[in-house]
N, C-alpha and C. Protein backbone atom coordinates (compact mmCIF):
# COMPACT_ATOMS: atom_id res chain seq x y z
N MET A 1 0.84 -1.26 -0.30
CA MET A 1 -0.38 -0.06 0.14
C MET A 1 0.60 1.00 0.11
N LYS A 2 2.60 1.46 0.88
CA LYS A 2 3.11 2.57 1.08
C LYS A 2 3.54 2.87 -1.11
N LEU A 3 3.99 1.02 -0.95
CA LEU A 3 4.43 1.82 -2.35
C LEU A 3 3.37 2.38 -3.06
N ILE A 4 2.44 2.15 -3.39
CA ILE A 4 1.52 2.33 -4.02
C ILE A 4 1.35 4.21 -3.78
N ALA A 5 0.50 4.16 -2.59
CA ALA A 5 1.44 5.63 -2.48
C ALA A 5 2.11 6.81 -2.87
N LEU A 6 3.20 5.75 -2.73
CA LEU A 6 4.82 6.43 -3.34
C LEU A 6 4.40 6.83 -4.18
N LEU A 7 3.72 5.99 -5.94
CA LEU A 7 4.59 5.54 -7.37
C LEU A 7 3.22 6.84 -7.25
N LEU A 8 1.83 7.12 -6.92
CA LEU A 8 1.08 8.08 -6.45
C LEU A 8 2.13 9.18 -6.76
N SER A 9 2.57 9.23 -5.96
CA SER A 9 2.53 11.35 -5.20
C SER A 9 3.89 11.07 -6.81
N LEU A 10 4.35 10.70 -6.57
CA LEU A 10 5.25 10.61 -7.83
C LEU A 10 4.98 10.65 -8.95
N SER A 11 4.01 10.40 -9.61
CA SER A 11 3.73 10.28 -11.08
C SER A 11 2.28 11.95 -10.65
N CYS A 12 2.15 12.24 -9.33
CA CYS A 12 1.82 14.00 -9.38
C CYS A 12 2.41 14.33 -10.07
N ALA A 13 3.61 14.79 -9.15
CA ALA A 13 5.27 15.09 -9.00
C ALA A 13 5.62 15.75 -10.64
N THR A 14 5.12 13.93 -11.05
CA THR A 14 6.39 14.74 -12.96
C THR A 14 5.22 14.97 -13.68
N SER A 15 3.24 14.81 -13.07
CA SER A 15 2.98 15.88 -14.11
C SER A 15 3.25 16.77 -14.31
N ALA A 16 2.45 17.58 -13.13
CA ALA A 16 3.50 18.56 -13.16
C ALA A 16 4.49 19.48 -13.60
N TYR A 17 5.58 18.69 -13.79
CA TYR A 17 6.86 19.36 -14.07
C TYR A 17 6.44 20.39 -15.23
N ALA A 18 5.35 20.10 -16.84
CA ALA A 18 5.86 21.13 -17.06
C ALA A 18 4.55 22.18 -17.58
N PHE A 19 3.74 21.72 -16.05
CA PHE A 19 3.11 22.28 -15.62
C PHE A 19 3.16 22.64 -14.38
N PRO A 20 4.26 23.74 -13.65
CA PRO A 20 4.21 23.71 -12.94
C PRO A 20 2.95 24.56 -11.70
N ASP A 21 2.20 25.30 -12.26
CA ASP A 21 0.82 25.92 -11.34
C ASP A 21 0.00 25.09 -12.20
N GLY A 22 0.38 23.65 -12.66
CA GLY A 22 -0.40 23.42 -11.70
C GLY A 22 -1.12 21.71 -11.01
N ASP A 23 -2.32 21.12 -10.69
CA ASP A 23 -2.60 20.03 -9.24
C ASP A 23 -3.07 19.10 -10.33
N ALA A 24 -2.60 18.85 -10.29
CA ALA A 24 -3.35 16.74 -11.34
C ALA A 24 -4.40 16.52 -10.54
N LYS A 25 -4.05 17.06 -8.79
CA LYS A 25 -5.95 15.77 -8.32
C LYS A 25 -6.48 16.94 -8.33
N ALA A 26 -6.34 17.98 -8.90
CA ALA A 26 -7.65 18.99 -8.73
C ALA A 26 -7.91 18.88 -10.62
N GLY A 27 -6.65 18.83 -11.23
CA GLY A 27 -7.28 18.63 -12.76
C GLY A 27 -7.92 17.00 -12.52
N GLN A 28 -7.42 16.20 -12.05
CA GLN A 28 -8.19 14.73 -12.37
C GLN A 28 -9.92 15.50 -11.74
N ARG A 29 -10.02 16.08 -10.74
CA ARG A 29 -11.32 15.83 -9.76
C ARG A 29 -12.12 17.10 -12.02
N LEU A 30 -11.54 17.95 -11.76
CA LEU A 30 -12.45 18.46 -13.19
C LEU A 30 -13.05 17.68 -13.97
N PHE A 31 -11.30 16.58 -14.80
CA PHE A 31 -11.76 15.65 -15.07
C PHE A 31 -12.51 14.25 -15.13
N GLU A 32 -13.43 14.63 -14.32
CA GLU A 32 -14.27 12.78 -13.59
C GLU A 32 -15.77 14.00 -14.12
N GLN A 33 -15.79 15.65 -12.42
CA GLN A 33 -16.62 16.70 -13.09
C GLN A 33 -17.43 16.27 -13.89
N PHE A 34 -16.76 16.47 -14.69
CA PHE A 34 -17.42 16.80 -16.49
C PHE A 34 -17.37 15.73 -17.40
N GLN A 35 -17.07 14.79 -16.86
CA GLN A 35 -16.45 13.54 -17.39
C GLN A 35 -16.00 13.66 -19.19
N CYS A 36 -15.54 14.27 -19.12
CA CYS A 36 -14.69 14.16 -19.74
C CYS A 36 -14.30 12.37 -21.44
N ASN A 37 -13.81 11.25 -19.99
CA ASN A 37 -13.89 10.38 -21.25
C ASN A 37 -14.79 10.15 -21.36
N THR A 38 -16.20 10.92 -21.53
CA THR A 38 -17.73 9.70 -21.77
C THR A 38 -17.39 10.91 -23.55
N CYS A 39 -16.56 11.54 -24.02
CA CYS A 39 -16.98 12.02 -25.48
C CYS A 39 -15.61 10.99 -25.75
N HIS A 40 -13.89 10.86 -24.97
CA HIS A 40 -12.94 9.94 -25.51
C HIS A 40 -13.62 7.98 -25.86
N ILE A 41 -14.63 7.67 -24.50
CA ILE A 41 -14.93 6.83 -24.65
C ILE A 41 -16.17 6.45 -26.05
N ASN A 42 -16.65 6.90 -26.70
CA ASN A 42 -17.28 7.37 -27.71
C ASN A 42 -16.35 7.15 -29.04
N MET A 43 -15.24 7.92 -28.99
CA MET A 43 -14.02 8.64 -30.39
C MET A 43 -13.59 6.74 -30.58
N TYR A 44 -12.69 5.86 -29.29
CA TYR A 44 -11.95 5.32 -29.35
C TYR A 44 -11.54 4.33 -28.27
N GLY A 45 -13.41 4.02 -27.33
CA GLY A 45 -13.75 2.71 -27.32
C GLY A 45 -13.43 2.20 -25.73
N GLY A 46 -13.49 1.65 -25.09
CA GLY A 46 -12.74 1.09 -23.87
C GLY A 46 -12.81 3.10 -22.83
N ASP A 47 -11.56 2.91 -22.05
CA ASP A 47 -12.97 3.93 -20.54
C ASP A 47 -11.96 5.14 -21.64
N GLY A 48 -11.19 4.86 -22.73
CA GLY A 48 -11.19 7.06 -23.18
C GLY A 48 -9.27 6.77 -23.54
N SER A 49 -8.53 6.26 -22.58
CA SER A 49 -7.99 6.16 -22.38
C SER A 49 -6.56 6.43 -24.05
N ALA A 50 -7.61 5.85 -24.51
CA ALA A 50 -6.82 5.15 -26.48
C ALA A 50 -6.18 6.94 -26.98
N ILE A 51 -7.14 7.91 -26.58
CA ILE A 51 -6.73 8.84 -26.99
C ILE A 51 -6.15 9.77 -27.15
N PHE A 52 -4.65 9.45 -25.91
CA PHE A 52 -4.09 10.32 -25.12
C PHE A 52 -2.46 9.39 -25.71
N THR A 53 -2.76 8.68 -26.29
CA THR A 53 -1.63 7.53 -26.67
C THR A 53 -2.17 7.38 -27.59
N CYS A 54 -2.72 7.25 -28.84
CA CYS A 54 -2.79 7.15 -30.60
C CYS A 54 -1.91 7.37 -31.50
N PRO A 55 -1.11 7.81 -32.08
CA PRO A 55 -0.49 7.74 -33.19
C PRO A 55 0.24 8.81 -33.50
N ASN A 56 -1.37 9.43 -33.79
CA ASN A 56 -1.67 10.42 -34.57
C ASN A 56 -2.51 11.32 -33.89
N SER A 57 -1.69 11.99 -31.96
CA SER A 57 -2.27 12.23 -31.19
C SER A 57 -1.53 14.33 -31.73
N LYS A 58 -2.87 14.76 -31.25
CA LYS A 58 -2.71 16.29 -31.91
C LYS A 58 -1.41 16.94 -30.55
N VAL A 59 -0.96 16.71 -29.36
CA VAL A 59 -0.67 16.97 -28.65
C VAL A 59 1.00 15.95 -28.89
N HIS A 60 1.47 17.60 -29.12
CA HIS A 60 3.49 17.62 -28.98
C HIS A 60 4.43 18.15 -27.39
N ASN A 61 3.53 19.22 -27.32
CA ASN A 61 4.00 20.23 -26.37
C ASN A 61 3.06 21.01 -25.56
N ALA A 62 3.23 21.07 -24.02
CA ALA A 62 2.58 21.78 -23.37
C ALA A 62 1.56 22.94 -24.05
N ASP A 63 2.26 23.70 -24.65
CA ASP A 63 1.38 24.83 -24.89
C ASP A 63 -0.12 23.95 -26.24
N GLU A 64 0.74 22.90 -27.02
CA GLU A 64 -0.85 22.24 -27.05
C GLU A 64 -1.89 21.89 -26.54
N LEU A 65 -1.64 20.76 -25.61
CA LEU A 65 -2.10 20.17 -24.47
C LEU A 65 -2.68 21.44 -24.22
N ILE A 66 -2.67 22.15 -23.47
CA ILE A 66 -3.23 23.66 -23.95
C ILE A 66 -5.13 24.45 -24.25
N ALA A 67 -4.06 24.08 -25.38
CA ALA A 67 -5.09 24.73 -26.02
C ALA A 67 -5.64 23.57 -26.60
N GLN A 68 -5.85 22.38 -26.54
CA GLN A 68 -6.72 21.02 -26.88
C GLN A 68 -7.47 20.81 -25.41
N ILE A 69 -7.40 21.04 -24.54
CA ILE A 69 -8.18 21.08 -23.63
C ILE A 69 -9.23 22.35 -23.66
N GLY A 70 -8.67 23.83 -23.95
CA GLY A 70 -9.65 24.57 -24.08
C GLY A 70 -10.82 24.03 -25.33
N ARG A 71 -10.39 23.42 -26.12
CA ARG A 71 -10.63 22.74 -27.37
C ARG A 71 -12.28 21.63 -26.51
N CYS A 72 -11.77 21.24 -25.64
CA CYS A 72 -12.80 20.22 -25.48
C CYS A 72 -13.68 20.74 -24.19
N GLY A 73 -13.02 21.60 -23.86
CA GLY A 73 -13.95 22.22 -22.49
C GLY A 73 -14.85 22.32 -23.61
N GLY A 74 -15.28 22.76 -24.61
CA GLY A 74 -16.98 23.21 -26.06
C GLY A 74 -18.30 21.51 -25.13
N ASN A 75 -17.16 21.34 -25.86
CA ASN A 75 -17.77 19.90 -26.03
C ASN A 75 -18.83 19.56 -24.15
N VAL A 76 -18.45 19.71 -23.34
CA VAL A 76 -19.15 20.08 -22.15
C VAL A 76 -19.36 21.56 -22.22
N ASP A 77 -19.66 22.02 -22.29
CA ASP A 77 -20.26 23.12 -22.52
C ASP A 77 -19.37 24.44 -20.97
N LYS A 78 -17.70 24.05 -21.08
CA LYS A 78 -17.18 24.65 -19.65
C LYS A 78 -16.80 25.72 -20.41
N ALA A 79 -15.97 26.65 -20.17
CA ALA A 79 -14.74 27.47 -20.62
C ALA A 79 -14.38 27.23 -19.75
N PHE A 80 -12.99 26.55 -19.49
CA PHE A 80 -11.78 26.31 -18.32
C PHE A 80 -10.84 27.23 -17.82
N SER A 81 -11.07 27.57 -16.93
CA SER A 81 -10.11 29.26 -16.60
C SER A 81 -8.64 28.67 -16.80
N ALA A 82 -7.72 29.61 -16.96
CA ALA A 82 -6.50 28.98 -17.48
C ALA A 82 -5.73 27.90 -16.39
N ARG A 83 -6.08 28.39 -14.78
CA ARG A 83 -5.63 27.53 -13.96
C ARG A 83 -6.41 26.13 -14.20
N GLU A 84 -7.74 26.10 -14.44
CA GLU A 84 -8.37 24.37 -13.99
C GLU A 84 -7.49 23.96 -15.57
N LYS A 85 -7.21 24.44 -17.01
CA LYS A 85 -6.30 24.04 -17.72
C LYS A 85 -4.96 23.94 -17.62
N GLN A 86 -4.62 24.26 -17.24
CA GLN A 86 -3.17 23.72 -15.97
C GLN A 86 -3.07 22.96 -14.59
N ASP A 87 -4.79 21.93 -14.12
CA ASP A 87 -4.83 21.49 -14.23
C ASP A 87 -5.49 20.58 -14.20
N ILE A 88 -5.64 20.01 -15.38
CA ILE A 88 -6.27 18.90 -15.98
C ILE A 88 -4.70 18.74 -16.81
N ALA A 89 -4.41 20.07 -17.25
CA ALA A 89 -3.01 19.72 -18.02
C ALA A 89 -2.12 18.35 -17.10
N ALA A 90 -2.03 19.10 -16.38
CA ALA A 90 -1.10 18.65 -15.40
C ALA A 90 -1.43 17.17 -14.59
N TYR A 91 -2.98 16.39 -15.21
CA TYR A 91 -3.87 15.03 -14.77
C TYR A 91 -2.87 15.22 -15.61
N LEU A 92 -3.75 14.93 -17.01
CA LEU A 92 -3.33 14.58 -18.33
C LEU A 92 -2.21 14.05 -18.83
N ASN A 93 -0.67 14.67 -17.74
CA ASN A 93 0.66 15.01 -18.49
C ASN A 93 0.58 13.42 -17.71
N ARG A 94 0.50 12.67 -16.81
CA ARG A 94 0.57 11.12 -17.00
C ARG A 94 1.10 10.61 -18.21
N TYR A 95 -0.15 11.07 -19.01
CA TYR A 95 -0.65 9.89 -20.57
C TYR A 95 1.18 10.50 -21.38
N TYR A 96 0.80 11.89 -21.40
CA TYR A 96 1.29 12.85 -22.27
C TYR A 96 3.41 12.71 -21.55
N HIS A 97 3.53 12.89 -20.55
CA HIS A 97 4.95 12.88 -20.04
C HIS A 97 5.92 13.81 -20.98
N LEU A 98 5.09 15.29 -20.86
CA LEU A 98 5.82 16.15 -21.72
C LEU A 98 6.86 17.46 -20.60
N LYS A 99 7.96 17.62 -21.09
CA LYS A 99 8.50 18.40 -19.78
C LYS A 99 8.54 20.31 -19.95
């Protein structure tokens, strides 16, 4: 159990590297609150996470991820604030590993 907690804390720390103002835990709450994976599941099936690792990913750097989160906000009728985008990006960076 301690190992799992350590790995999760390291994951959050690593995720925030490209997004120093982001809070990955807050980003996860927003991602779940707005059910962001609903659209991803419709597009890619499974749990929707394949959207983050597909070979034709539209995201290659931190700025592109922030921009994509802004566009995706329209799918959930939410104009994410700059802080919310940083938080969600910090959470999603566990897939992208952006620096």
